[in-house]
Amino acid sequence: MGFFSWNCKQCGESIKAPYDVPEGMEWQNDCVLVREDKDPLIGEYDGYGRIDGFDLTGLPGDPELWHENCWMNEERPLYTGPSDYADDQGFFYDYEERYSDFDISKGIE
């Protein structure tokens, strides 16, 4: 199976795979899995459905994922529902065109 990912619940950008991430976007690889009645899982997404080795594909239903920065900025919200699948699969994106007028190095504030 190839790359796949989900969009962050706050900003709508994909959770990035750690391969060839453009400079300034590295923070989009750090993510949080939020689940009902469980502690959040914080770690790095591998691009293949795992956060620090935890397999998201074994969950009952789709996960709720956030960029860690976005989750922290929203004051660590609880579960609200599954995230959408990312069209760019967390890897295939045209960052220069999409972010030409946005300072991505600052993250979400």
PDB file of N, CA and C in Angstrom:
ATOM      1  N   MET A   1       0.854  -1.175   0.000  1.00  0.00           N
ATOM      2  CA  MET A   1       0.000   0.000   0.000  1.00  0.00           C
ATOM      3  C   MET A   1       0.899   1.237   0.000  1.00  0.00           C
ATOM      4  N   GLY A   2       0.520   2.264  -0.744  1.00  0.00           N
ATOM      5  CA  GLY A   2       1.307   3.490  -0.820  1.00  0.00           C
ATOM      6  C   GLY A   2       0.954   4.473   0.273  1.00  0.00           C
ATOM      7  N   PHE A   3       1.396   5.712   0.079  1.00  0.00           N
ATOM      8  CA  PHE A   3       1.112   6.769   1.047  1.00  0.00           C
ATOM      9  C   PHE A   3      -0.379   7.017   1.163  1.00  0.00           C
ATOM     10  N   PHE A   4      -0.802   7.364   2.370  1.00  0.00           N
ATOM     11  CA  PHE A   4      -2.148   7.881   2.601  1.00  0.00           C
ATOM     12  C   PHE A   4      -2.120   8.688   3.883  1.00  0.00           C
ATOM     13  N   SER A   5      -3.080   9.573   4.013  1.00  0.00           N
ATOM     14  CA  SER A   5      -3.108  10.449   5.178  1.00  0.00           C
ATOM     15  C   SER A   5      -4.502  11.019   5.352  1.00  0.00           C
ATOM     16  N   TRP A   6      -4.636  11.823   6.387  1.00  0.00           N
ATOM     17  CA  TRP A   6      -5.875  12.522   6.691  1.00  0.00           C
ATOM     18  C   TRP A   6      -5.564  13.999   6.858  1.00  0.00           C
ATOM     19  N   ASN A   7      -6.613  14.812   6.813  1.00  0.00           N
ATOM     20  CA  ASN A   7      -6.460  16.251   7.022  1.00  0.00           C
ATOM     21  C   ASN A   7      -6.612  16.592   8.496  1.00  0.00           C
ATOM     22  N   CYS A   8      -5.867  17.582   8.916  1.00  0.00           N
ATOM     23  CA  CYS A   8      -5.964  18.104  10.277  1.00  0.00           C
ATOM     24  C   CYS A   8      -7.361  18.676  10.501  1.00  0.00           C
ATOM     25  N   LYS A   9      -7.930  18.387  11.647  1.00  0.00           N
ATOM     26  CA  LYS A   9      -9.275  18.876  11.968  1.00  0.00           C
ATOM     27  C   LYS A   9      -9.343  20.388  12.092  1.00  0.00           C
ATOM     28  N   GLN A  10      -8.236  21.042  12.416  1.00  0.00           N
ATOM     29  CA  GLN A  10      -8.268  22.491  12.608  1.00  0.00           C
ATOM     30  C   GLN A  10      -7.970  23.256  11.334  1.00  0.00           C
ATOM     31  N   CYS A  11      -6.847  22.973  10.696  1.00  0.00           N
ATOM     32  CA  CYS A  11      -6.419  23.790   9.552  1.00  0.00           C
ATOM     33  C   CYS A  11      -6.787  23.194   8.200  1.00  0.00           C
ATOM     34  N   GLY A  12      -7.130  21.902   8.162  1.00  0.00           N
ATOM     35  CA  GLY A  12      -7.527  21.275   6.914  1.00  0.00           C
ATOM     36  C   GLY A  12      -6.386  20.815   6.028  1.00  0.00           C
ATOM     37  N   GLU A  13      -5.148  21.043   6.452  1.00  0.00           N
ATOM     38  CA  GLU A  13      -3.990  20.575   5.681  1.00  0.00           C
ATOM     39  C   GLU A  13      -3.673  19.134   6.081  1.00  0.00           C
ATOM     40  N   SER A  14      -3.031  18.404   5.188  1.00  0.00           N
ATOM     41  CA  SER A  14      -2.746  17.001   5.458  1.00  0.00           C
ATOM     42  C   SER A  14      -1.701  16.828   6.559  1.00  0.00           C
ATOM     43  N   ILE A  15      -1.801  15.694   7.233  1.00  0.00           N
ATOM     44  CA  ILE A  15      -0.747  15.260   8.140  1.00  0.00           C
ATOM     45  C   ILE A  15       0.363  14.738   7.226  1.00  0.00           C
ATOM     46  N   LYS A  16       1.527  15.349   7.281  1.00  0.00           N
ATOM     47  CA  LYS A  16       2.584  15.069   6.312  1.00  0.00           C
ATOM     48  C   LYS A  16       3.377  13.813   6.657  1.00  0.00           C
ATOM     49  N   ALA A  17       3.719  13.063   5.599  1.00  0.00           N
ATOM     50  CA  ALA A  17       4.679  11.969   5.720  1.00  0.00           C
ATOM     51  C   ALA A  17       6.053  12.599   5.934  1.00  0.00           C
ATOM     52  N   PRO A  18       6.973  11.900   6.577  1.00  0.00           N
ATOM     53  CA  PRO A  18       8.254  12.516   6.935  1.00  0.00           C
ATOM     54  C   PRO A  18       9.294  12.552   5.812  1.00  0.00           C
ATOM     55  N   TYR A  19       8.892  12.227   4.605  1.00  0.00           N
ATOM     56  CA  TYR A  19       9.845  12.120   3.504  1.00  0.00           C
ATOM     57  C   TYR A  19       9.797  13.355   2.618  1.00  0.00           C
ATOM     58  N   ASP A  20      10.945  14.002   2.442  1.00  0.00           N
ATOM     59  CA  ASP A  20      11.069  15.150   1.543  1.00  0.00           C
ATOM     60  C   ASP A  20      10.086  16.268   1.893  1.00  0.00           C
ATOM     61  N   VAL A  21       9.894  16.508   3.191  1.00  0.00           N
ATOM     62  CA  VAL A  21       9.003  17.585   3.631  1.00  0.00           C
ATOM     63  C   VAL A  21       9.707  18.918   3.369  1.00  0.00           C
ATOM     64  N   PRO A  22       9.037  19.846   2.701  1.00  0.00           N
ATOM     65  CA  PRO A  22       9.662  21.143   2.434  1.00  0.00           C
ATOM     66  C   PRO A  22      10.066  21.861   3.719  1.00  0.00           C
ATOM     67  N   GLU A  23      11.155  22.573   3.651  1.00  0.00           N
ATOM     68  CA  GLU A  23      11.638  23.333   4.797  1.00  0.00           C
ATOM     69  C   GLU A  23      10.541  24.261   5.301  1.00  0.00           C
ATOM     70  N   GLY A  24      10.347  24.253   6.584  1.00  0.00           N
ATOM     71  CA  GLY A  24       9.328  25.090   7.209  1.00  0.00           C
ATOM     72  C   GLY A  24       8.007  24.375   7.421  1.00  0.00           C
ATOM     73  N   MET A  25       7.831  23.200   6.815  1.00  0.00           N
ATOM     74  CA  MET A  25       6.580  22.448   6.968  1.00  0.00           C
ATOM     75  C   MET A  25       6.746  21.216   7.854  1.00  0.00           C
ATOM     76  N   GLU A  26       7.917  21.051   8.442  1.00  0.00           N
ATOM     77  CA  GLU A  26       8.189  19.860   9.245  1.00  0.00           C
ATOM     78  C   GLU A  26       7.194  19.672  10.377  1.00  0.00           C
ATOM     79  N   TRP A  27       6.684  20.762  10.925  1.00  0.00           N
ATOM     80  CA  TRP A  27       5.738  20.691  12.029  1.00  0.00           C
ATOM     81  C   TRP A  27       4.452  19.962  11.641  1.00  0.00           C
ATOM     82  N   GLN A  28       4.166  19.855  10.347  1.00  0.00           N
ATOM     83  CA  GLN A  28       2.947  19.190   9.901  1.00  0.00           C
ATOM     84  C   GLN A  28       3.068  17.662   9.924  1.00  0.00           C
ATOM     85  N   ASN A  29       4.220  17.142  10.313  1.00  0.00           N
ATOM     86  CA  ASN A  29       4.402  15.706  10.506  1.00  0.00           C
ATOM     87  C   ASN A  29       4.081  15.289  11.943  1.00  0.00           C
ATOM     88  N   ASP A  30       4.167  16.229  12.869  1.00  0.00           N
ATOM     89  CA  ASP A  30       3.857  15.960  14.277  1.00  0.00           C
ATOM     90  C   ASP A  30       2.348  16.031  14.451  1.00  0.00           C
ATOM     91  N   CYS A  31       1.766  14.951  14.963  1.00  0.00           N
ATOM     92  CA  CYS A  31       0.310  14.908  14.989  1.00  0.00           C
ATOM     93  C   CYS A  31      -0.226  14.326  16.293  1.00  0.00           C
ATOM     94  N   VAL A  32      -1.539  14.442  16.422  1.00  0.00           N
ATOM     95  CA  VAL A  32      -2.251  13.941  17.601  1.00  0.00           C
ATOM     96  C   VAL A  32      -3.448  13.132  17.123  1.00  0.00           C
ATOM     97  N   LEU A  33      -3.564  11.925  17.644  1.00  0.00           N
ATOM     98  CA  LEU A  33      -4.745  11.096  17.439  1.00  0.00           C
ATOM     99  C   LEU A  33      -5.657  11.327  18.636  1.00  0.00           C
ATOM    100  N   VAL A  34      -6.881  11.790  18.372  1.00  0.00           N
ATOM    101  CA  VAL A  34      -7.869  12.025  19.429  1.00  0.00           C
ATOM    102  C   VAL A  34      -8.951  10.962  19.288  1.00  0.00           C
ATOM    103  N   ARG A  35      -9.228  10.282  20.416  1.00  0.00           N
ATOM    104  CA  ARG A  35     -10.220   9.208  20.417  1.00  0.00           C
ATOM    105  C   ARG A  35     -11.180   9.395  21.580  1.00  0.00           C
ATOM    106  N   GLU A  36     -12.369   8.848  21.435  1.00  0.00           N
ATOM    107  CA  GLU A  36     -13.330   8.883  22.524  1.00  0.00           C
ATOM    108  C   GLU A  36     -12.844   8.014  23.677  1.00  0.00           C
ATOM    109  N   ASP A  37     -12.926   8.544  24.869  1.00  0.00           N
ATOM    110  CA  ASP A  37     -12.638   7.788  26.098  1.00  0.00           C
ATOM    111  C   ASP A  37     -11.225   7.209  26.163  1.00  0.00           C
ATOM    112  N   LYS A  38     -10.275   7.820  25.469  1.00  0.00           N
ATOM    113  CA  LYS A  38      -8.877   7.380  25.528  1.00  0.00           C
ATOM    114  C   LYS A  38      -7.985   8.616  25.552  1.00  0.00           C
ATOM    115  N   ASP A  39      -6.798   8.444  26.101  1.00  0.00           N
ATOM    116  CA  ASP A  39      -5.834   9.543  26.088  1.00  0.00           C
ATOM    117  C   ASP A  39      -5.369   9.796  24.657  1.00  0.00           C
ATOM    118  N   PRO A  40      -5.080  11.051  24.324  1.00  0.00           N
ATOM    119  CA  PRO A  40      -4.553  11.355  22.985  1.00  0.00           C
ATOM    120  C   PRO A  40      -3.197  10.686  22.777  1.00  0.00           C
ATOM    121  N   LEU A  41      -2.914  10.339  21.548  1.00  0.00           N
ATOM    122  CA  LEU A  41      -1.623   9.785  21.163  1.00  0.00           C
ATOM    123  C   LEU A  41      -0.904  10.850  20.343  1.00  0.00           C
ATOM    124  N   ILE A  42       0.262  11.265  20.807  1.00  0.00           N
ATOM    125  CA  ILE A  42       1.039  12.317  20.144  1.00  0.00           C
ATOM    126  C   ILE A  42       2.311  11.696  19.594  1.00  0.00           C
ATOM    127  N   GLY A  43       2.613  11.993  18.330  1.00  0.00           N
ATOM    128  CA  GLY A  43       3.826  11.442  17.735  1.00  0.00           C
ATOM    129  C   GLY A  43       4.007  11.874  16.298  1.00  0.00           C
ATOM    130  N   GLU A  44       4.914  11.181  15.611  1.00  0.00           N
ATOM    131  CA  GLU A  44       5.204  11.484  14.210  1.00  0.00           C
ATOM    132  C   GLU A  44       4.481  10.490  13.316  1.00  0.00           C
ATOM    133  N   TYR A  45       3.867  11.015  12.251  1.00  0.00           N
ATOM    134  CA  TYR A  45       3.161  10.179  11.290  1.00  0.00           C
ATOM    135  C   TYR A  45       4.146   9.641  10.266  1.00  0.00           C
ATOM    136  N   ASP A  46       4.032   8.354   9.924  1.00  0.00           N
ATOM    137  CA  ASP A  46       5.007   7.742   9.010  1.00  0.00           C
ATOM    138  C   ASP A  46       4.591   7.732   7.543  1.00  0.00           C
ATOM    139  N   GLY A  47       3.379   8.189   7.227  1.00  0.00           N
ATOM    140  CA  GLY A  47       2.903   8.203   5.850  1.00  0.00           C
ATOM    141  C   GLY A  47       2.185   6.926   5.447  1.00  0.00           C
ATOM    142  N   TYR A  48       2.257   5.904   6.289  1.00  0.00           N
ATOM    143  CA  TYR A  48       1.666   4.603   5.987  1.00  0.00           C
ATOM    144  C   TYR A  48       0.640   4.167   7.028  1.00  0.00           C
ATOM    145  N   GLY A  49       0.049   5.119   7.737  1.00  0.00           N
ATOM    146  CA  GLY A  49      -1.005   4.784   8.682  1.00  0.00           C
ATOM    147  C   GLY A  49      -0.564   4.512  10.102  1.00  0.00           C
ATOM    148  N   ARG A  50       0.657   4.947  10.452  1.00  0.00           N
ATOM    149  CA  ARG A  50       1.147   4.705  11.815  1.00  0.00           C
ATOM    150  C   ARG A  50       1.671   5.995  12.447  1.00  0.00           C
ATOM    151  N   ILE A  51       1.385   6.149  13.735  1.00  0.00           N
ATOM    152  CA  ILE A  51       1.946   7.232  14.538  1.00  0.00           C
ATOM    153  C   ILE A  51       2.868   6.568  15.549  1.00  0.00           C
ATOM    154  N   ASP A  52       4.148   6.829  15.423  1.00  0.00           N
ATOM    155  CA  ASP A  52       5.147   6.204  16.304  1.00  0.00           C
ATOM    156  C   ASP A  52       4.907   4.698  16.458  1.00  0.00           C
ATOM    157  N   GLY A  53       4.596   4.025  15.371  1.00  0.00           N
ATOM    158  CA  GLY A  53       4.398   2.582  15.381  1.00  0.00           C
ATOM    159  C   GLY A  53       2.974   2.131  15.682  1.00  0.00           C
ATOM    160  N   PHE A  54       2.116   3.024  16.168  1.00  0.00           N
ATOM    161  CA  PHE A  54       0.720   2.669  16.450  1.00  0.00           C
ATOM    162  C   PHE A  54      -0.048   2.664  15.137  1.00  0.00           C
ATOM    163  N   ASP A  55      -0.658   1.533  14.797  1.00  0.00           N
ATOM    164  CA  ASP A  55      -1.334   1.344  13.513  1.00  0.00           C
ATOM    165  C   ASP A  55      -2.757   1.899  13.549  1.00  0.00           C
ATOM    166  N   LEU A  56      -2.977   2.974  12.802  1.00  0.00           N
ATOM    167  CA  LEU A  56      -4.296   3.606  12.751  1.00  0.00           C
ATOM    168  C   LEU A  56      -5.300   2.778  11.965  1.00  0.00           C
ATOM    169  N   THR A  57      -4.816   1.918  11.081  1.00  0.00           N
ATOM    170  CA  THR A  57      -5.724   1.134  10.252  1.00  0.00           C
ATOM    171  C   THR A  57      -6.447   0.050  11.048  1.00  0.00           C
ATOM    172  N   GLY A  58      -5.998  -0.221  12.251  1.00  0.00           N
ATOM    173  CA  GLY A  58      -6.657  -1.209  13.094  1.00  0.00           C
ATOM    174  C   GLY A  58      -7.762  -0.627  13.948  1.00  0.00           C
ATOM    175  N   LEU A  59      -7.984   0.668  13.848  1.00  0.00           N
ATOM    176  CA  LEU A  59      -9.034   1.308  14.644  1.00  0.00           C
ATOM    177  C   LEU A  59     -10.408   1.016  14.052  1.00  0.00           C
ATOM    178  N   PRO A  60     -11.438   0.993  14.893  1.00  0.00           N
ATOM    179  CA  PRO A  60     -12.805   0.836  14.367  1.00  0.00           C
ATOM    180  C   PRO A  60     -13.286   2.171  13.788  1.00  0.00           C
ATOM    181  N   GLY A  61     -13.192   2.351  12.513  1.00  0.00           N
ATOM    182  CA  GLY A  61     -13.574   3.608  11.881  1.00  0.00           C
ATOM    183  C   GLY A  61     -12.364   4.478  11.599  1.00  0.00           C
ATOM    184  N   ASP A  62     -12.631   5.620  10.998  1.00  0.00           N
ATOM    185  CA  ASP A  62     -11.556   6.540  10.647  1.00  0.00           C
ATOM    186  C   ASP A  62     -11.105   7.352  11.854  1.00  0.00           C
ATOM    187  N   PRO A  63      -9.822   7.694  11.907  1.00  0.00           N
ATOM    188  CA  PRO A  63      -9.297   8.432  13.064  1.00  0.00           C
ATOM    189  C   PRO A  63      -9.589   9.932  12.993  1.00  0.00           C
ATOM    190  N   GLU A  64      -9.495  10.570  14.135  1.00  0.00           N
ATOM    191  CA  GLU A  64      -9.494  12.035  14.199  1.00  0.00           C
ATOM    192  C   GLU A  64      -8.049  12.465  14.428  1.00  0.00           C
ATOM    193  N   LEU A  65      -7.494  13.205  13.481  1.00  0.00           N
ATOM    194  CA  LEU A  65      -6.101  13.638  13.568  1.00  0.00           C
ATOM    195  C   LEU A  65      -5.986  15.145  13.504  1.00  0.00           C
ATOM    196  N   TRP A  66      -5.002  15.632  14.213  1.00  0.00           N
ATOM    197  CA  TRP A  66      -4.668  17.052  14.260  1.00  0.00           C
ATOM    198  C   TRP A  66      -3.163  17.190  14.111  1.00  0.00           C
ATOM    199  N   HIS A  67      -2.705  18.298  13.528  1.00  0.00           N
ATOM    200  CA  HIS A  67      -1.295  18.645  13.697  1.00  0.00           C
ATOM    201  C   HIS A  67      -1.134  18.974  15.178  1.00  0.00           C
ATOM    202  N   GLU A  68      -0.029  18.593  15.751  1.00  0.00           N
ATOM    203  CA  GLU A  68       0.164  18.859  17.173  1.00  0.00           C
ATOM    204  C   GLU A  68       0.060  20.356  17.471  1.00  0.00           C
ATOM    205  N   ASN A  69       0.651  21.202  16.639  1.00  0.00           N
ATOM    206  CA  ASN A  69       0.565  22.650  16.854  1.00  0.00           C
ATOM    207  C   ASN A  69      -0.882  23.136  16.839  1.00  0.00           C
ATOM    208  N   CYS A  70      -1.665  22.646  15.885  1.00  0.00           N
ATOM    209  CA  CYS A  70      -3.067  23.061  15.786  1.00  0.00           C
ATOM    210  C   CYS A  70      -3.857  22.614  17.009  1.00  0.00           C
ATOM    211  N   TRP A  71      -3.625  21.389  17.445  1.00  0.00           N
ATOM    212  CA  TRP A  71      -4.317  20.844  18.612  1.00  0.00           C
ATOM    213  C   TRP A  71      -3.987  21.647  19.859  1.00  0.00           C
ATOM    214  N   MET A  72      -2.710  21.981  20.025  1.00  0.00           N
ATOM    215  CA  MET A  72      -2.293  22.781  21.185  1.00  0.00           C
ATOM    216  C   MET A  72      -2.899  24.183  21.123  1.00  0.00           C
ATOM    217  N   ASN A  73      -2.906  24.783  19.937  1.00  0.00           N
ATOM    218  CA  ASN A  73      -3.467  26.132  19.785  1.00  0.00           C
ATOM    219  C   ASN A  73      -4.966  26.176  20.034  1.00  0.00           C
ATOM    220  N   GLU A  74      -5.642  25.059  19.819  1.00  0.00           N
ATOM    221  CA  GLU A  74      -7.086  24.971  20.089  1.00  0.00           C
ATOM    222  C   GLU A  74      -7.372  24.484  21.507  1.00  0.00           C
ATOM    223  N   GLU A  75      -6.344  24.475  22.344  1.00  0.00           N
ATOM    224  CA  GLU A  75      -6.440  24.100  23.751  1.00  0.00           C
ATOM    225  C   GLU A  75      -6.836  22.636  23.949  1.00  0.00           C
ATOM    226  N   ARG A  76      -6.265  21.772  23.131  1.00  0.00           N
ATOM    227  CA  ARG A  76      -6.390  20.311  23.268  1.00  0.00           C
ATOM    228  C   ARG A  76      -7.832  19.817  23.302  1.00  0.00           C
ATOM    229  N   PRO A  77      -8.566  20.033  22.226  1.00  0.00           N
ATOM    230  CA  PRO A  77      -9.974  19.608  22.224  1.00  0.00           C
ATOM    231  C   PRO A  77     -10.140  18.092  22.292  1.00  0.00           C
ATOM    232  N   LEU A  78     -11.307  17.686  22.752  1.00  0.00           N
ATOM    233  CA  LEU A  78     -11.660  16.273  22.822  1.00  0.00           C
ATOM    234  C   LEU A  78     -12.195  15.811  21.473  1.00  0.00           C
ATOM    235  N   TYR A  79     -12.518  14.550  21.389  1.00  0.00           N
ATOM    236  CA  TYR A  79     -12.987  13.933  20.142  1.00  0.00           C
ATOM    237  C   TYR A  79     -14.234  14.621  19.596  1.00  0.00           C
ATOM    238  N   THR A  80     -14.222  14.899  18.286  1.00  0.00           N
ATOM    239  CA  THR A  80     -15.380  15.506  17.622  1.00  0.00           C
ATOM    240  C   THR A  80     -15.850  14.693  16.427  1.00  0.00           C
ATOM    241  N   GLY A  81     -15.046  13.745  15.958  1.00  0.00           N
ATOM    242  CA  GLY A  81     -15.420  12.942  14.798  1.00  0.00           C
ATOM    243  C   GLY A  81     -14.224  12.724  13.892  1.00  0.00           C
ATOM    244  N   PRO A  82     -14.356  11.844  12.927  1.00  0.00           N
ATOM    245  CA  PRO A  82     -13.216  11.482  12.091  1.00  0.00           C
ATOM    246  C   PRO A  82     -12.744  12.613  11.184  1.00  0.00           C
ATOM    247  N   SER A  83     -11.469  12.553  10.850  1.00  0.00           N
ATOM    248  CA  SER A  83     -10.868  13.496   9.897  1.00  0.00           C
ATOM    249  C   SER A  83     -11.152  13.022   8.472  1.00  0.00           C
ATOM    250  N   ASP A  84     -11.125  13.964   7.542  1.00  0.00           N
ATOM    251  CA  ASP A  84     -11.274  13.638   6.127  1.00  0.00           C
ATOM    252  C   ASP A  84      -9.967  13.076   5.591  1.00  0.00           C
ATOM    253  N   TYR A  85     -10.083  12.215   4.591  1.00  0.00           N
ATOM    254  CA  TYR A  85      -8.882  11.740   3.909  1.00  0.00           C
ATOM    255  C   TYR A  85      -8.227  12.893   3.166  1.00  0.00           C
ATOM    256  N   ALA A  86      -6.902  12.876   3.115  1.00  0.00           N
ATOM    257  CA  ALA A  86      -6.140  13.931   2.438  1.00  0.00           C
ATOM    258  C   ALA A  86      -5.964  13.588   0.958  1.00  0.00           C
ATOM    259  N   ASP A  87      -6.401  14.485   0.095  1.00  0.00           N
ATOM    260  CA  ASP A  87      -6.240  14.277  -1.342  1.00  0.00           C
ATOM    261  C   ASP A  87      -4.775  14.148  -1.743  1.00  0.00           C
ATOM    262  N   ASP A  88      -3.892  14.880  -1.035  1.00  0.00           N
ATOM    263  CA  ASP A  88      -2.465  14.850  -1.393  1.00  0.00           C
ATOM    264  C   ASP A  88      -1.713  13.684  -0.762  1.00  0.00           C
ATOM    265  N   GLN A  89      -2.411  12.851  -0.004  1.00  0.00           N
ATOM    266  CA  GLN A  89      -1.860  11.666   0.651  1.00  0.00           C
ATOM    267  C   GLN A  89      -0.720  11.993   1.618  1.00  0.00           C
ATOM    268  N   GLY A  90      -0.626  13.245   2.033  1.00  0.00           N
ATOM    269  CA  GLY A  90       0.425  13.652   2.964  1.00  0.00           C
ATOM    270  C   GLY A  90       1.795  13.737   2.335  1.00  0.00           C
ATOM    271  N   PHE A  91       1.852  13.649   1.020  1.00  0.00           N
ATOM    272  CA  PHE A  91       3.147  13.656   0.344  1.00  0.00           C
ATOM    273  C   PHE A  91       3.122  14.364  -1.007  1.00  0.00           C
ATOM    274  N   PHE A  92       2.091  14.171  -1.794  1.00  0.00           N
ATOM    275  CA  PHE A  92       2.021  14.694  -3.167  1.00  0.00           C
ATOM    276  C   PHE A  92       1.307  16.044  -3.179  1.00  0.00           C
ATOM    277  N   TYR A  93       2.051  17.106  -2.906  1.00  0.00           N
ATOM    278  CA  TYR A  93       1.463  18.434  -2.844  1.00  0.00           C
ATOM    279  C   TYR A  93       2.386  19.434  -3.524  1.00  0.00           C
ATOM    280  N   ASP A  94       1.780  20.500  -4.014  1.00  0.00           N
ATOM    281  CA  ASP A  94       2.536  21.564  -4.664  1.00  0.00           C
ATOM    282  C   ASP A  94       2.620  22.727  -3.682  1.00  0.00           C
ATOM    283  N   TYR A  95       3.550  22.633  -2.767  1.00  0.00           N
ATOM    284  CA  TYR A  95       3.627  23.602  -1.680  1.00  0.00           C
ATOM    285  C   TYR A  95       3.999  25.003  -2.144  1.00  0.00           C
ATOM    286  N   GLU A  96       4.803  25.144  -3.181  1.00  0.00           N
ATOM    287  CA  GLU A  96       5.197  26.483  -3.639  1.00  0.00           C
ATOM    288  C   GLU A  96       4.002  27.262  -4.156  1.00  0.00           C
ATOM    289  N   GLU A  97       3.135  26.608  -4.917  1.00  0.00           N
ATOM    290  CA  GLU A  97       1.955  27.271  -5.457  1.00  0.00           C
ATOM    291  C   GLU A  97       0.929  27.553  -4.368  1.00  0.00           C
ATOM    292  N   ARG A  98       0.692  26.554  -3.514  1.00  0.00           N
ATOM    293  CA  ARG A  98      -0.348  26.690  -2.495  1.00  0.00           C
ATOM    294  C   ARG A  98       0.001  27.711  -1.428  1.00  0.00           C
ATOM    295  N   TYR A  99       1.288  27.857  -1.106  1.00  0.00           N
ATOM    296  CA  TYR A  99       1.688  28.703   0.011  1.00  0.00           C
ATOM    297  C   TYR A  99       2.512  29.916  -0.421  1.00  0.00           C
ATOM    298  N   SER A 100       2.343  30.372  -1.629  1.00  0.00           N
ATOM    299  CA  SER A 100       3.172  31.459  -2.135  1.00  0.00           C
ATOM    300  C   SER A 100       3.019  32.744  -1.323  1.00  0.00           C
ATOM    301  N   ASP A 101       1.872  32.967  -0.698  1.00  0.00           N
ATOM    302  CA  ASP A 101       1.692  34.185   0.087  1.00  0.00           C
ATOM    303  C   ASP A 101       1.442  33.903   1.568  1.00  0.00           C
ATOM    304  N   PHE A 102       1.866  32.731   2.042  1.00  0.00           N
ATOM    305  CA  PHE A 102       1.650  32.341   3.432  1.00  0.00           C
ATOM    306  C   PHE A 102       3.003  31.920   4.024  1.00  0.00           C
ATOM    307  N   ASP A 103       3.336  32.450   5.180  1.00  0.00           N
ATOM    308  CA  ASP A 103       4.603  32.119   5.829  1.00  0.00           C
ATOM    309  C   ASP A 103       4.415  30.805   6.593  1.00  0.00           C
ATOM    310  N   ILE A 104       4.717  29.677   5.941  1.00  0.00           N
ATOM    311  CA  ILE A 104       4.482  28.366   6.519  1.00  0.00           C
ATOM    312  C   ILE A 104       5.408  28.048   7.672  1.00  0.00           C
ATOM    313  N   SER A 105       6.506  28.770   7.803  1.00  0.00           N
ATOM    314  CA  SER A 105       7.450  28.466   8.871  1.00  0.00           C
ATOM    315  C   SER A 105       6.895  28.815  10.244  1.00  0.00           C
ATOM    316  N   LYS A 106       5.852  29.642  10.298  1.00  0.00           N
ATOM    317  CA  LYS A 106       5.281  30.040  11.568  1.00  0.00           C
ATOM    318  C   LYS A 106       4.225  29.062  12.070  1.00  0.00           C
ATOM    319  N   GLY A 107       3.712  28.206  11.213  1.00  0.00           N
ATOM    320  CA  GLY A 107       2.660  27.293  11.613  1.00  0.00           C
ATOM    321  C   GLY A 107       1.348  28.035  11.803  1.00  0.00           C
ATOM    322  N   ILE A 108       0.439  27.421  12.479  1.00  0.00           N
ATOM    323  CA  ILE A 108      -0.857  28.010  12.743  1.00  0.00           C
ATOM    324  C   ILE A 108      -0.784  28.761  14.059  1.00  0.00           C
ATOM    325  N   GLU A 109      -1.227  29.973  14.051  1.00  0.00           N
ATOM    326  CA  GLU A 109      -1.193  30.777  15.280  1.00  0.00           C
ATOM    327  C   GLU A 109      -2.564  31.076  15.788  1.00  0.00           C
TER     328      GLU A 109
END
